[in-house]
C-alpha cells in the first residue's frame, strides 16, 4: 500500500465543532507523470494547483512516474515520493509498468523487474495501515495474503457512501511481456510468470473484497483505480480475468461504478464493459499541465462528475 499523509493541521487551540460530512467526495486524479526532466521540474506547480483547491478529499496517482526508457533509479523513486508527500491532501498511488515491469530495457538499466518492484515497494509502501491524513480509520491494505506474499499497494478506503479501491494492474500485458527482449533465462521466465500469477490472484481477491465492502456498508458508489488501460487496441489476455471479475461483480451491485485508468495518455470517457452501471475514465497523461477533478455524489442520478483542470 501507499498512503501518503497530507499536511498536518495548524497549531493553536481550537474548539471542537461537529460538522456533517459533505455529501460529495472530491478526487484529484493524475497519472503517467512526471515524464522527463521538464515535467519533473514543473510537477510542483501541478501539486500547487491541486493544493490550492482546498476541497480535495483524496489524490489518486494512477502509476507511471517516469518514462519507460529512463533509468529505474531508486534515488528517482525517492524524489517522486518526496513530491507526492508535498500534497496537502492524502495520496494513494498504484505502480505503473514504467517503474518496474519495463526496467529490463537497456535504457532503463537492464534490471530484473521483480527486484525493482521490491525496491519500489520499500520506497512507497513500507508503512501499510497508516492513517489517511489524520482520518480516524486507516486505509485497509492487502499487505498480507493468506498463503502468499501480500500486495501492499492494493488498498481500500471508504467514506461518504463511496468505496475507493486501488489495484496493481499494469501495462505490458499486465507484466506478461518477456524480459530482456525475449532473452530470458529459464529462471527469469519462471520468476516473471510466478509474479503475474500471484498478483492477478491477489487482484481478483481484492476486487471481490471491494464489492463485498460496498455491499456490507451499503455504499452507493465504487471507484476502482489502476494503471493499465485494459481496453486499448487489441489488448492481449493479461487482463481477461480482471475484466471478467470486475464486470460480474459490478453487474451484481446496486450502485454505480467508476473505473479510472492511465496508461494510454489520452483523455477518454466510455463504457467498455457489459455492465450498465460502469463508467470508465482514462486520464490525460504525459503532462503536468492538467489534472482531473472527479466529484462523486452517490445520491445523484449521475454520481460521477469529471472536470478537467488546467494548471496555470
Foldseek 3Di string as FASTA:
>chain_A
DFKQAADADDDDDDDDDDDDDDLKAKEWEAEQDDEDDVRLVCLLLLLVVVQVVVRHAEYEYFENHYDLLAALDLVVLLSVSVSVNHHNFMYAYAYECSNALSCCDVSHPNDLRVVSVVSSCVRGPVDAQDCTNPPPGTWDAQCPDDVDGGDRSWTWDDDSLEIETEAEAYPPLSSQPDGPNNPDDPVSNVVSVVVLVVRVVNRLVSLVVRLVVSVVVVRQEYEYGHEDPCPPDPRDDSCVVVQVSNQVSLQPDNHAYEYEYEHPQDWDWDDPHPHVRYIYTYWHHNDSQKIKMWMANSVDPPGTDIDIGGRD
